[in-house]
Each structure stands twice: as C-alpha cells, then as structure tokens.
C-alpha cells in the first residue's frame, strides 16, 4: 500500500482555519476576524485535498445504503428504504469545499501557479460529479461569483461536460514546465506534491466519466481506453487521502458501533456476495473487509428489515465495518479512485469494443491488484483467481463478471452507486429493501431543504426513481 503522509493535526487545523475565507456571495458568510484574507497556496492545498477525501466519505455514507454495502440495524430506516431524506449538511460540505477550491484556483491564476490550477480543476471536477450524481441539476456557473446569492442551476449534462473540460485543462496546466509555484509536498494530502500522479488521476477520472455514459449514444469505448492508457499503472498511483483529526471516519463509525452507538452494519447483499452464496465463489477479501461474528460466521443485515440478531445491543452476531480492514482501519486512507477500479473500467470498455483479450487481461489484473490492496494472503488470492467461476477465459468474459468484481473493488466508494444504476442493480440476488418506499430501485436524492429555503431557483425534486440523464 502506498505510504500515507502523516502531519500534525495542528497543521491541518491551520489549513481549515484559513479556508472558507472569500466566498461571501452564495454562502453569505459573516466577516470573521479569525480568518486570514490571503492564505498561501500551500495552506489552501492542504484544506482542499483533505476536504475532498472527507467529502468522498460523506457521500459514500449515503450511497452505500442504496447499493447495499451498509444496512441500518433499525427496521424501516429512511436511507435503507428510499424515503425522501434531507441531505442539507452533505450539500453544504460539498459547496463549501468547492468554494475553497474556486478560491485556490483564482489565487493560483493570479500567481502563475499552473500546478495549483491543475489540481484545483481536478478537485472541482470530482466535487461537481459528487453533487450531480446525487441531485442532478445543480449550481455551478455563477455559484462562486460576487453577483448573486441565488445561483441558477446548471443542467446535469452541462455539469458533466464542464467536468470533462476541467480535467482536460488540468492535464494541460500540470504538463506546463514553468509553474511559478510548485505543489508543496507536505500540503498535498492526496499525492504528496507529485504532479505526474495528479496527471494520472485526471486521466483516471476522465476514464471514469467517459465510461459512465454507456447508456447514451455518446459512449465511445476507444476514448475510455485512451484515457486509461495515460492513467494508473499500480496501486502506488491511487488517489487517496489519509490525514484525519483522530482516525479514518469509517473507523470512527466502527468504534462508535463497538460502544453501542449503532452504525456501520454490513448489508446482507454484500455479505452473501462475498461469501459466494449469490456468486458461486467464496471471495477471500471478506476477511479483509469485515470480521467474523461471535459464531465464526459472516451474517449481513437485510436492508429495511433491521438487525436479525439481538434487538437491544451489539453482540457481534452480525458483521460490521471493521477497524482491522486495510480500507477502514484507524489510519486507512480514503480512496477517491484506485488502480483496480481503472483496470475494471478498461475491462468494460475493451469488452464493449470487442477487444476480448485486453478485456480479460484487465479483469484479472484488477482482481490481483484489489487482493494486494486489501492485503489478502497470496495463496488465497491465487485460489480465487484460478476458480472456474472467475478464470473463465477471454472468450467467456461477460459484463456480469466485470460488475461483480467492481462491486467489491468500489466498496464504500460513491462511484459504486453510479455503477449500480448503470447496471440496473442487476447484481446476483439483489432485491428491493424491505418496506421500500419506491416500487423500483432509487436513482437520485431529493434537493436539500436548506438549499430550497434560500434559493428560489431550486427545482422541485423529481421522484427518487427518476433516472439521471446518463442513466436512461
């Protein structure tokens, strides 16, 4: 696993203090004497890169219930059962981070710091897609200027196109050799100041975006493959953020669960997938994702039904997010996009392009890399890769197998919900939650009440079963 940069929390708090300092339009912030009006770019970089990692987790903490990685231990929980929920806090976190990113980009332009401009574009593109993939249309084009307190909502497709443009501009800016201010390694909490890795991440995100539109006439597998070729080559390239006040927020959920503040329970769907009940093959990654119950087994919680064991406390007769996992331990980094995911993007695009040998090689490499990332015993990994249900041969590779593997690779990542929607939730054994408020699987969330109350341009929320533009 890539070495994680460690810094004192005091440094991070200094970066956070310097953030949110000039966007007095959309957010109507009062003047604060504790905020520095002109923070250095390095400080802004630490703030924006940390917020990006944390916001990825905040969004995943919503979408992981939709894709049935997580299940609420209480029956009829709103997120499990597709009830209209108010995600104002998440919306605010995303837009406040984008305000910081916007400010960093403007300052970088003024100072001729092309490397910072490039990173800002990547972080903005990432956030735009978190927003649009949740809500659809959203403010952007006039959200960060000093002309309005009620920005207009840009269309989903416009935000998608802007994201691609930002990534292309990022690659161009980061490729320049004359940046007047270079990335500060100690302040870059994602790539440690390595601009080549940032370029790879821009291409990785570009491949993800281009592959998301498989359901549209604009889908071009050749363009996806071209982006993949310029992106990651190993797990060492992964975009992740591993600097926290105390611990990884997933580990914080697990710790709270141990202390009977119940949360972080794994869904029956995920557990049965990993156990091989629905897929036909035991996945050794299960032992690196969660811990066995007190009975030495793995038992998931049905979405919408609540826990199936003791109704009053946690007695470890069901499985939860684990602090022993390389993904959710106290010091585990939050992964924005990984090499295994990129290889499965390649596998899908190559399969759709009829390049079966390339697709199969990428599929197998994705599994190997995922096993390595989760620190699976090499013998167990080899057994899984040689199982006839996995080692099907190039001519027998199908999309179902690629999506099956990607479901594990994107565990607790927001991108998993995009894949679930593209795949029409067709994972083996996947069922509607018990007591679902919709007759079909959820496709979007309702606009937050906080935004609707202050911005009259906020659209009426469509039905939560209504597809986004790329999901038709």
Protein backbone atom coordinates (compact mmCIF):
# COMPACT_ATOMS: atom_id res chain seq x y z
CA UNK A 1 0.00 0.00 0.00
CA UNK A 2 1.20 3.47 -0.79
CA UNK A 3 2.89 5.25 2.10
CA UNK A 4 0.48 7.69 3.74
CA UNK A 5 1.72 11.15 4.61
CA UNK A 6 1.36 11.99 8.29
CA UNK A 7 1.23 15.51 9.66
CA UNK A 8 0.17 17.02 12.96
CA UNK A 9 -3.49 17.87 13.32
CA UNK A 10 -2.48 21.39 14.27
CA UNK A 11 -1.22 21.87 10.72
CA UNK A 12 -4.48 20.62 9.27
CA UNK A 13 -6.50 22.84 11.57
CA UNK A 14 -4.43 25.78 10.43
CA UNK A 15 -5.37 24.91 6.86
CA UNK A 16 -9.03 24.60 7.78
CA UNK A 17 -8.90 27.95 9.59
CA UNK A 18 -7.52 29.63 6.51
CA UNK A 19 -10.23 28.07 4.33
CA UNK A 20 -13.68 29.48 3.55
CA UNK A 21 -12.29 32.99 3.50
CA UNK A 22 -13.54 34.83 0.47
CA UNK A 23 -16.77 33.37 -0.87
CA UNK A 24 -19.19 35.90 0.62
CA UNK A 25 -21.72 35.51 -2.16
CA UNK A 26 -23.55 32.19 -2.35
CA UNK A 27 -22.76 31.34 1.27
CA UNK A 28 -23.26 34.81 2.76
CA UNK A 29 -20.52 34.33 5.34
CA UNK A 30 -20.16 36.95 8.04
CA UNK A 31 -16.80 38.60 8.49
CA UNK A 32 -14.66 36.54 10.84
CA UNK A 33 -11.58 38.14 12.40
CA UNK A 34 -10.00 34.70 12.81
CA UNK A 35 -9.92 34.07 9.07
CA UNK A 36 -6.89 35.09 7.05
CA UNK A 37 -7.90 37.03 3.96
CA UNK A 38 -4.96 35.97 1.84
CA UNK A 39 -3.77 32.47 2.82
CA UNK A 40 -0.82 30.95 0.95
CA UNK A 41 -1.48 28.41 -1.76
CA UNK A 42 0.13 25.64 0.27
CA UNK A 43 -2.38 26.13 3.07
CA UNK A 44 -5.27 26.19 0.62
CA UNK A 45 -3.96 22.94 -0.89
CA UNK A 46 -3.99 21.15 2.45
CA UNK A 47 -7.53 22.35 3.10
CA UNK A 48 -8.94 21.38 -0.28
CA UNK A 49 -7.26 17.99 -0.54
CA UNK A 50 -8.39 16.98 2.93
CA UNK A 51 -11.94 18.16 2.33
CA UNK A 52 -12.05 16.19 -0.90
CA UNK A 53 -11.25 12.95 0.89
CA UNK A 54 -13.70 13.64 3.68
CA UNK A 55 -16.47 14.61 1.26
CA UNK A 56 -15.99 11.39 -0.67
CA UNK A 57 -16.68 9.52 2.56
CA UNK A 58 -19.67 11.71 3.44
CA UNK A 59 -21.32 10.97 0.10
CA UNK A 60 -20.48 7.27 0.35
CA UNK A 61 -22.12 7.23 3.77
CA UNK A 62 -25.37 7.95 1.92
CA UNK A 63 -24.94 5.92 -1.25
CA UNK A 64 -23.56 2.79 0.43
CA UNK A 65 -27.07 2.10 1.72
CA UNK A 66 -28.51 2.44 -1.79
CA UNK A 67 -26.06 -0.07 -3.23
CA UNK A 68 -26.45 -2.28 -0.14
CA UNK A 69 -22.94 -2.25 1.26
CA UNK A 70 -24.43 -0.99 4.51
CA UNK A 71 -27.76 -1.57 6.25
CA UNK A 72 -29.32 0.17 9.19
CA UNK A 73 -29.80 -2.01 12.28
CA UNK A 74 -33.22 -0.41 12.78
CA UNK A 75 -36.13 -1.56 10.66
CA UNK A 76 -37.61 0.94 8.19
CA UNK A 77 -34.67 3.38 8.26
CA UNK A 78 -35.18 6.19 5.75
CA UNK A 79 -31.98 5.78 3.75
CA UNK A 80 -32.41 2.00 3.50
CA UNK A 81 -35.99 2.25 2.31
CA UNK A 82 -35.69 5.11 -0.20
CA UNK A 83 -37.68 7.67 1.77
CA UNK A 84 -37.21 11.35 0.96
CA UNK A 85 -34.36 12.48 3.20
CA UNK A 86 -32.80 15.88 3.77
CA UNK A 87 -29.10 15.91 2.92
CA UNK A 88 -28.56 19.63 3.51
CA UNK A 89 -25.42 19.01 5.57
CA UNK A 90 -23.80 16.98 2.79
CA UNK A 91 -24.77 19.62 0.18
CA UNK A 92 -23.22 22.35 2.34
CA UNK A 93 -19.98 20.41 2.87
CA UNK A 94 -19.66 19.88 -0.88
CA UNK A 95 -20.31 23.50 -1.80
CA UNK A 96 -18.11 24.93 0.93
CA UNK A 97 -15.28 22.74 -0.34
CA UNK A 98 -15.93 23.90 -3.90
CA UNK A 99 -15.77 27.49 -2.68
CA UNK A 100 -12.31 26.80 -1.27
CA UNK A 101 -11.27 25.10 -4.48
CA UNK A 102 -12.53 28.04 -6.53
CA UNK A 103 -10.56 30.46 -4.34
CA UNK A 104 -7.41 28.36 -4.67
CA UNK A 105 -7.74 28.34 -8.43
CA UNK A 106 -8.22 32.12 -8.63
CA UNK A 107 -5.19 32.75 -6.45
CA UNK A 108 -3.15 30.25 -8.45
CA UNK A 109 -4.06 32.02 -11.69
CA UNK A 110 -3.00 35.35 -10.20
CA UNK A 111 0.34 33.90 -9.12
CA UNK A 112 1.03 31.95 -12.29
CA UNK A 113 0.95 28.69 -10.34
CA UNK A 114 -0.18 26.34 -13.09
CA UNK A 115 0.31 23.23 -10.95
CA UNK A 116 -2.18 24.54 -8.40
CA UNK A 117 -4.60 25.49 -11.17
CA UNK A 118 -4.42 21.94 -12.44
CA UNK A 119 -5.07 20.39 -9.04
CA UNK A 120 -7.95 22.81 -8.39
CA UNK A 121 -9.57 21.76 -11.68
CA UNK A 122 -9.32 18.07 -10.74
CA UNK A 123 -10.78 18.63 -7.28
CA UNK A 124 -13.59 20.76 -8.72
CA UNK A 125 -14.44 18.15 -11.36
CA UNK A 126 -14.53 15.50 -8.66
CA UNK A 127 -16.88 17.53 -6.47
CA UNK A 128 -19.14 18.50 -9.36
CA UNK A 129 -19.78 14.86 -10.06
CA UNK A 130 -20.46 14.05 -6.43
CA UNK A 131 -23.12 16.76 -6.49
CA UNK A 132 -24.63 15.97 -9.86
CA UNK A 133 -24.66 12.21 -9.33
CA UNK A 134 -26.73 12.73 -6.20
CA UNK A 135 -29.11 15.52 -7.21
CA UNK A 136 -28.83 16.06 -10.98
CA UNK A 137 -29.02 19.75 -11.91
CA UNK A 138 -27.01 21.96 -9.55
CA UNK A 139 -25.48 25.46 -9.25
CA UNK A 140 -22.04 25.98 -10.71
CA UNK A 141 -21.61 28.54 -13.49
CA UNK A 142 -22.50 31.53 -11.29
CA UNK A 143 -22.27 29.97 -7.83
CA UNK A 144 -18.88 31.41 -6.88
CA UNK A 145 -19.04 34.99 -8.15
CA UNK A 146 -19.89 38.15 -6.26
CA UNK A 147 -23.06 38.83 -8.23
CA UNK A 148 -25.78 36.63 -6.76
CA UNK A 149 -26.98 34.95 -3.62
CA UNK A 150 -29.34 32.74 -5.61
CA UNK A 151 -27.35 31.00 -8.35
CA UNK A 152 -29.07 29.31 -11.23
CA UNK A 153 -28.99 25.53 -11.60
CA UNK A 154 -26.96 24.17 -14.49
CA UNK A 155 -28.20 21.00 -16.16
CA UNK A 156 -26.76 17.61 -15.32
CA UNK A 157 -25.32 17.22 -18.80
CA UNK A 158 -23.74 20.70 -18.67
CA UNK A 159 -22.05 19.78 -15.38
CA UNK A 160 -20.79 16.56 -16.91
CA UNK A 161 -19.32 18.42 -19.89
CA UNK A 162 -17.77 21.05 -17.61
CA UNK A 163 -16.15 18.27 -15.58
CA UNK A 164 -14.51 16.84 -18.69
CA UNK A 165 -13.31 20.30 -19.69
CA UNK A 166 -11.85 20.88 -16.24
CA UNK A 167 -9.95 17.59 -16.40
CA UNK A 168 -8.58 18.42 -19.86
CA UNK A 169 -7.49 21.85 -18.63
CA UNK A 170 -5.94 20.25 -15.57
CA UNK A 171 -3.81 17.97 -17.69
CA UNK A 172 -2.64 20.94 -19.76
CA UNK A 173 -1.83 23.05 -16.69
CA UNK A 174 0.00 20.27 -14.89
CA UNK A 175 2.00 19.50 -18.03
CA UNK A 176 3.49 23.00 -18.11
CA UNK A 177 7.11 23.28 -17.04
CA UNK A 178 7.04 26.90 -15.87
CA UNK A 179 4.72 26.95 -12.85
CA UNK A 180 5.87 29.85 -10.67
CA UNK A 181 4.79 27.98 -7.54
CA UNK A 182 5.22 24.22 -7.37
CA UNK A 183 3.00 21.92 -5.36
CA UNK A 184 4.06 21.74 -1.73
CA UNK A 185 4.57 18.03 -0.90
CA UNK A 186 3.73 18.47 2.78
CA UNK A 187 0.47 20.24 1.92
CA UNK A 188 -0.79 17.90 -0.78
CA UNK A 189 -2.67 15.27 1.22
CA UNK A 190 -3.56 13.19 -1.83
CA UNK A 191 -0.44 12.86 -3.99
CA UNK A 192 2.30 14.46 -1.88
CA UNK A 193 3.12 17.10 -4.47
CA UNK A 194 3.69 14.61 -7.30
CA UNK A 195 2.27 16.37 -10.35
CA UNK A 196 2.76 13.30 -12.54
CA UNK A 197 0.44 11.38 -10.24
CA UNK A 198 -2.07 14.22 -10.48
CA UNK A 199 -1.97 13.94 -14.27
CA UNK A 200 -2.63 10.20 -13.96
CA UNK A 201 -5.55 10.94 -11.65
CA UNK A 202 -7.00 13.39 -14.15
CA UNK A 203 -6.90 10.68 -16.79
CA UNK A 204 -8.33 8.10 -14.38
CA UNK A 205 -11.26 10.37 -13.56
CA UNK A 206 -11.68 11.12 -17.26
CA UNK A 207 -11.89 7.37 -17.97
CA UNK A 208 -14.47 7.01 -15.18
CA UNK A 209 -16.59 9.86 -16.58
CA UNK A 210 -16.40 8.65 -20.17
CA UNK A 211 -17.35 5.14 -19.12
CA UNK A 212 -20.33 6.35 -17.07
CA UNK A 213 -22.30 7.20 -20.20
CA UNK A 214 -22.57 3.64 -21.53
CA UNK A 215 -26.33 4.09 -21.74
CA UNK A 216 -26.09 7.02 -24.16
CA UNK A 217 -25.34 7.33 -27.85
CA UNK A 218 -22.25 9.38 -26.99
CA UNK A 219 -20.43 6.45 -25.39
CA UNK A 220 -17.04 5.86 -27.01
CA UNK A 221 -15.07 2.91 -25.64
CA UNK A 222 -11.98 3.96 -27.61
CA UNK A 223 -11.93 7.29 -25.75
CA UNK A 224 -12.24 5.46 -22.44
CA UNK A 225 -9.33 3.18 -23.31
CA UNK A 226 -7.20 6.13 -24.39
CA UNK A 227 -7.71 7.78 -21.01
CA UNK A 228 -6.92 4.53 -19.20
CA UNK A 229 -3.62 4.24 -21.06
CA UNK A 230 -2.47 7.53 -19.54
CA UNK A 231 -3.65 6.80 -16.02
CA UNK A 232 -2.63 4.42 -13.24
CA UNK A 233 -0.15 1.57 -13.56
CA UNK A 234 -0.23 0.24 -9.97
CA UNK A 235 -1.79 0.74 -6.55
CA UNK A 236 1.00 3.20 -5.79
CA UNK A 237 -0.77 5.69 -8.05
CA UNK A 238 -4.12 5.60 -6.23
CA UNK A 239 -5.73 8.92 -5.30
CA UNK A 240 -6.33 8.66 -1.57
CA UNK A 241 -6.34 10.90 1.48
CA UNK A 242 -5.19 9.62 4.85
CA UNK A 243 -4.86 12.57 7.25
CA UNK A 244 -7.51 12.84 9.96
CA UNK A 245 -8.13 14.62 13.24
CA UNK A 246 -8.17 11.30 15.09
CA UNK A 247 -8.95 8.41 12.72
CA UNK A 248 -10.47 7.40 9.41
CA UNK A 249 -14.21 8.33 9.57
CA UNK A 250 -15.25 4.77 8.72
CA UNK A 251 -13.14 3.59 11.65
CA UNK A 252 -14.91 6.19 13.77
CA UNK A 253 -18.23 4.62 12.77
CA UNK A 254 -16.88 1.18 13.70
CA UNK A 255 -15.61 2.46 17.04
CA UNK A 256 -18.96 4.07 17.81
CA UNK A 257 -20.66 0.78 16.95
CA UNK A 258 -18.40 -1.04 19.41
CA UNK A 259 -19.58 1.46 22.02
CA UNK A 260 -23.23 0.68 21.15
CA UNK A 261 -23.87 3.80 19.06
CA UNK A 262 -25.08 1.50 16.34
CA UNK A 263 -23.95 2.02 12.76
CA UNK A 264 -21.71 0.58 10.07
CA UNK A 265 -23.59 -2.72 9.80
CA UNK A 266 -22.86 -4.59 6.57
CA UNK A 267 -25.75 -5.43 4.28
CA UNK A 268 -26.86 -8.99 3.71
CA UNK A 269 -26.41 -8.35 -0.01
CA UNK A 270 -22.69 -7.56 0.34
CA UNK A 271 -22.02 -10.38 2.79
CA UNK A 272 -23.77 -13.02 0.70
CA UNK A 273 -21.93 -11.70 -2.38
CA UNK A 274 -18.56 -12.13 -0.66
CA UNK A 275 -19.47 -15.49 0.89
CA UNK A 276 -20.28 -16.79 -2.57
CA UNK A 277 -23.90 -17.56 -1.77
CA UNK A 278 -25.09 -15.47 -4.71
CA UNK A 279 -21.94 -15.51 -6.84
CA UNK A 280 -20.85 -19.14 -6.60
CA UNK A 281 -17.35 -18.48 -5.27
CA UNK A 282 -16.05 -17.53 -1.81
CA UNK A 283 -14.18 -14.24 -2.02
CA UNK A 284 -11.17 -14.17 0.36
CA UNK A 285 -11.45 -10.40 0.55
CA UNK A 286 -14.31 -10.88 3.00
CA UNK A 287 -11.83 -11.50 5.82
CA UNK A 288 -10.05 -8.24 4.94
CA UNK A 289 -13.26 -6.24 4.78
CA UNK A 290 -15.03 -7.38 7.94
CA UNK A 291 -14.66 -9.63 10.99
CA UNK A 292 -16.46 -12.91 11.70
CA UNK A 293 -19.32 -12.94 14.17
CA UNK A 294 -19.00 -14.47 17.64
CA UNK A 295 -20.10 -17.70 15.96
CA UNK A 296 -17.23 -17.60 13.45
CA UNK A 297 -19.53 -16.85 10.52
CA UNK A 298 -20.45 -13.83 8.42
CA UNK A 299 -24.01 -12.56 8.74
CA UNK A 300 -25.31 -9.45 6.98
CA UNK A 301 -28.29 -7.28 7.87
CA UNK A 302 -31.20 -7.12 5.38
CA UNK A 303 -31.82 -3.57 4.18
CA UNK A 304 -35.03 -2.22 5.59
CA UNK A 305 -35.58 -5.14 7.97
CA UNK A 306 -33.12 -4.17 10.68
CA UNK A 307 -30.88 -6.50 12.61
CA UNK A 308 -31.65 -10.19 12.70
CA UNK A 309 -29.87 -10.84 15.99
CA UNK A 310 -30.28 -9.16 19.35
CA UNK A 311 -32.60 -6.16 19.08
CA UNK A 312 -31.13 -4.30 22.03
CA UNK A 313 -27.36 -4.20 21.59
CA UNK A 314 -24.36 -5.25 19.58
CA UNK A 315 -23.33 -8.78 20.49
CA UNK A 316 -21.31 -9.34 17.33
CA UNK A 317 -23.76 -11.85 15.86
CA UNK A 318 -23.85 -9.78 12.65
CA UNK A 319 -20.98 -8.24 10.68
CA UNK A 320 -19.89 -4.62 10.68
CA UNK A 321 -17.34 -2.21 9.25
CA UNK A 322 -14.04 -3.38 10.69
CA UNK A 323 -11.19 -1.37 12.17
CA UNK A 324 -9.00 -4.34 11.21
CA UNK A 325 -9.53 -3.78 7.49
CA UNK A 326 -6.91 -2.05 5.30
CA UNK A 327 -9.82 0.03 3.97
CA UNK A 328 -11.46 1.10 7.23
CA UNK A 329 -8.78 0.96 9.90
CA UNK A 330 -7.92 3.96 12.05
CA UNK A 331 -5.12 5.04 9.69
CA UNK A 332 -6.52 3.71 6.42
CA UNK A 333 -6.70 6.30 3.64
CA UNK A 334 -9.96 7.23 1.95
CA UNK A 335 -9.72 6.15 -1.69
CA UNK A 336 -11.09 8.51 -4.34
CA UNK A 337 -10.22 6.31 -7.30
CA UNK A 338 -7.96 3.28 -7.47
CA UNK A 339 -5.90 1.25 -9.90
CA UNK A 340 -8.21 -1.80 -9.56
CA UNK A 341 -11.20 0.36 -10.48
CA UNK A 342 -9.36 1.76 -13.51
CA UNK A 343 -8.50 -1.75 -14.69
CA UNK A 344 -12.17 -2.75 -14.48
CA UNK A 345 -13.10 0.38 -16.41
CA UNK A 346 -10.61 -0.81 -19.01
CA UNK A 347 -12.09 -4.31 -18.94
CA UNK A 348 -15.60 -3.00 -19.55
CA UNK A 349 -14.61 -0.59 -22.33
CA UNK A 350 -12.47 -3.21 -24.04
CA UNK A 351 -15.29 -5.74 -23.83
CA UNK A 352 -17.74 -3.27 -25.34
CA UNK A 353 -15.17 -2.58 -28.08
CA UNK A 354 -14.83 -6.29 -28.84
CA UNK A 355 -11.22 -6.45 -27.60
CA UNK A 356 -11.71 -9.64 -25.60
CA UNK A 357 -8.07 -10.45 -24.81
CA UNK A 358 -7.44 -6.94 -23.49
CA UNK A 359 -10.66 -7.02 -21.51
CA UNK A 360 -9.81 -10.33 -19.86
CA UNK A 361 -6.25 -9.31 -19.01
CA UNK A 362 -7.51 -6.11 -17.39
CA UNK A 363 -10.21 -8.02 -15.49
CA UNK A 364 -7.66 -10.42 -14.00
CA UNK A 365 -5.21 -7.63 -13.19
CA UNK A 366 -7.95 -5.70 -11.41
CA UNK A 367 -8.65 -8.68 -9.16
CA UNK A 368 -4.93 -9.21 -8.43
CA UNK A 369 -4.45 -5.54 -7.60
CA UNK A 370 -7.54 -5.50 -5.39
CA UNK A 371 -6.29 -8.53 -3.48
CA UNK A 372 -2.94 -6.79 -2.98
CA UNK A 373 -4.60 -3.58 -1.85
CA UNK A 374 -6.62 -5.48 0.75
CA UNK A 375 -3.54 -7.49 1.80
CA UNK A 376 -5.14 -10.85 1.04
CA UNK A 377 -2.93 -13.89 1.56
CA UNK A 378 -1.27 -14.59 -1.85
CA UNK A 379 -2.31 -18.24 -1.81
CA UNK A 380 -5.93 -17.34 -1.15
CA UNK A 381 -5.79 -14.76 -3.91
CA UNK A 382 -4.32 -17.32 -6.33
CA UNK A 383 -7.04 -19.83 -5.45
CA UNK A 384 -9.74 -17.26 -6.17
CA UNK A 385 -8.16 -16.23 -9.47
CA UNK A 386 -7.94 -19.85 -10.60
CA UNK A 387 -11.50 -20.76 -9.63
CA UNK A 388 -13.53 -21.69 -12.74
CA UNK A 389 -16.16 -19.13 -11.78
CA UNK A 390 -13.51 -16.40 -12.06
CA UNK A 391 -10.98 -17.76 -14.58
CA UNK A 392 -13.50 -18.07 -17.39
CA UNK A 393 -11.17 -17.30 -20.28
CA UNK A 394 -11.25 -14.33 -22.63
CA UNK A 395 -13.99 -15.69 -24.86
CA UNK A 396 -16.36 -16.21 -21.91
CA UNK A 397 -15.89 -12.88 -20.17
CA UNK A 398 -19.19 -11.04 -19.79
CA UNK A 399 -20.27 -7.73 -18.27
CA UNK A 400 -21.85 -9.53 -15.32
CA UNK A 401 -18.43 -10.74 -14.18
CA UNK A 402 -16.90 -7.27 -14.51
CA UNK A 403 -19.69 -5.67 -12.49
CA UNK A 404 -19.47 -8.48 -9.93
CA UNK A 405 -15.81 -7.67 -9.31
CA UNK A 406 -16.33 -3.93 -9.40
CA UNK A 407 -18.95 -4.25 -6.67
CA UNK A 408 -16.18 -5.44 -4.36
CA UNK A 409 -13.49 -3.07 -5.65
CA UNK A 410 -15.64 0.02 -5.06
CA UNK A 411 -16.73 -0.97 -1.54
CA UNK A 412 -17.66 2.23 0.35
CA UNK A 413 -16.87 4.42 -2.67
CA UNK A 414 -19.50 6.83 -4.10
CA UNK A 415 -18.84 5.51 -7.60
CA UNK A 416 -20.49 2.21 -6.67
CA UNK A 417 -23.93 3.81 -6.89
CA UNK A 418 -23.23 5.05 -10.41
CA UNK A 419 -22.30 1.52 -11.43
CA UNK A 420 -25.39 0.08 -9.74
CA UNK A 421 -27.61 2.46 -11.69
CA UNK A 422 -25.82 1.80 -14.99
CA UNK A 423 -26.16 -1.94 -14.31
CA UNK A 424 -29.82 -1.51 -13.32
CA UNK A 425 -28.99 -3.11 -9.96
CA UNK A 426 -28.69 -6.49 -11.68
CA UNK A 427 -26.22 -7.98 -9.16
CA UNK A 428 -26.97 -11.59 -8.27
CA UNK A 429 -29.55 -11.79 -5.52
CA UNK A 430 -30.12 -8.02 -5.37
CA UNK A 431 -33.60 -7.19 -4.08
CA UNK A 432 -35.53 -4.08 -3.07
CA UNK A 433 -35.19 -3.21 0.60
CA UNK A 434 -37.89 -4.49 2.93
CA UNK A 435 -40.62 -1.84 3.05
CA UNK A 436 -39.14 0.20 0.18
CA UNK A 437 -40.98 3.49 -0.41
CA UNK A 438 -40.48 3.10 -4.18
CA UNK A 439 -41.62 0.31 -6.49
CA UNK A 440 -38.16 0.22 -8.06
CA UNK A 441 -34.56 0.99 -7.11
CA UNK A 442 -33.57 4.52 -6.16
CA UNK A 443 -31.97 6.70 -8.87
CA UNK A 444 -31.46 10.11 -7.21
CA UNK A 445 -31.99 12.02 -3.96
CA UNK A 446 -34.28 14.97 -3.21
CA UNK A 447 -32.94 18.52 -3.21
CA UNK A 448 -31.97 19.59 0.32
CA UNK A 449 -34.35 21.72 2.29
CA UNK A 450 -31.56 24.11 3.24
CA UNK A 451 -30.94 25.00 -0.39
CA UNK A 452 -34.61 25.19 -1.31
CA UNK A 453 -35.29 27.56 1.58
CA UNK A 454 -32.72 30.14 0.47
CA UNK A 455 -32.52 29.71 -3.29
CA UNK A 456 -35.77 30.09 -5.27
CA UNK A 457 -34.03 28.62 -8.31
CA UNK A 458 -34.01 25.20 -6.65
CA UNK A 459 -36.10 22.85 -8.82
CA UNK A 460 -38.90 20.75 -7.48
CA UNK A 461 -37.46 17.35 -6.58
CA UNK A 462 -38.40 14.66 -9.11
CA UNK A 463 -39.46 11.21 -7.99
CA UNK A 464 -36.50 9.39 -6.50
CA UNK A 465 -37.00 6.68 -9.11
CA UNK A 466 -36.41 9.14 -11.98
CA UNK A 467 -33.17 8.46 -13.83
CA UNK A 468 -30.39 10.97 -14.34
CA UNK A 469 -29.53 11.89 -17.92
CA UNK A 470 -26.78 9.27 -18.27
CA UNK A 471 -28.92 6.56 -16.64
CA UNK A 472 -31.77 6.49 -19.15
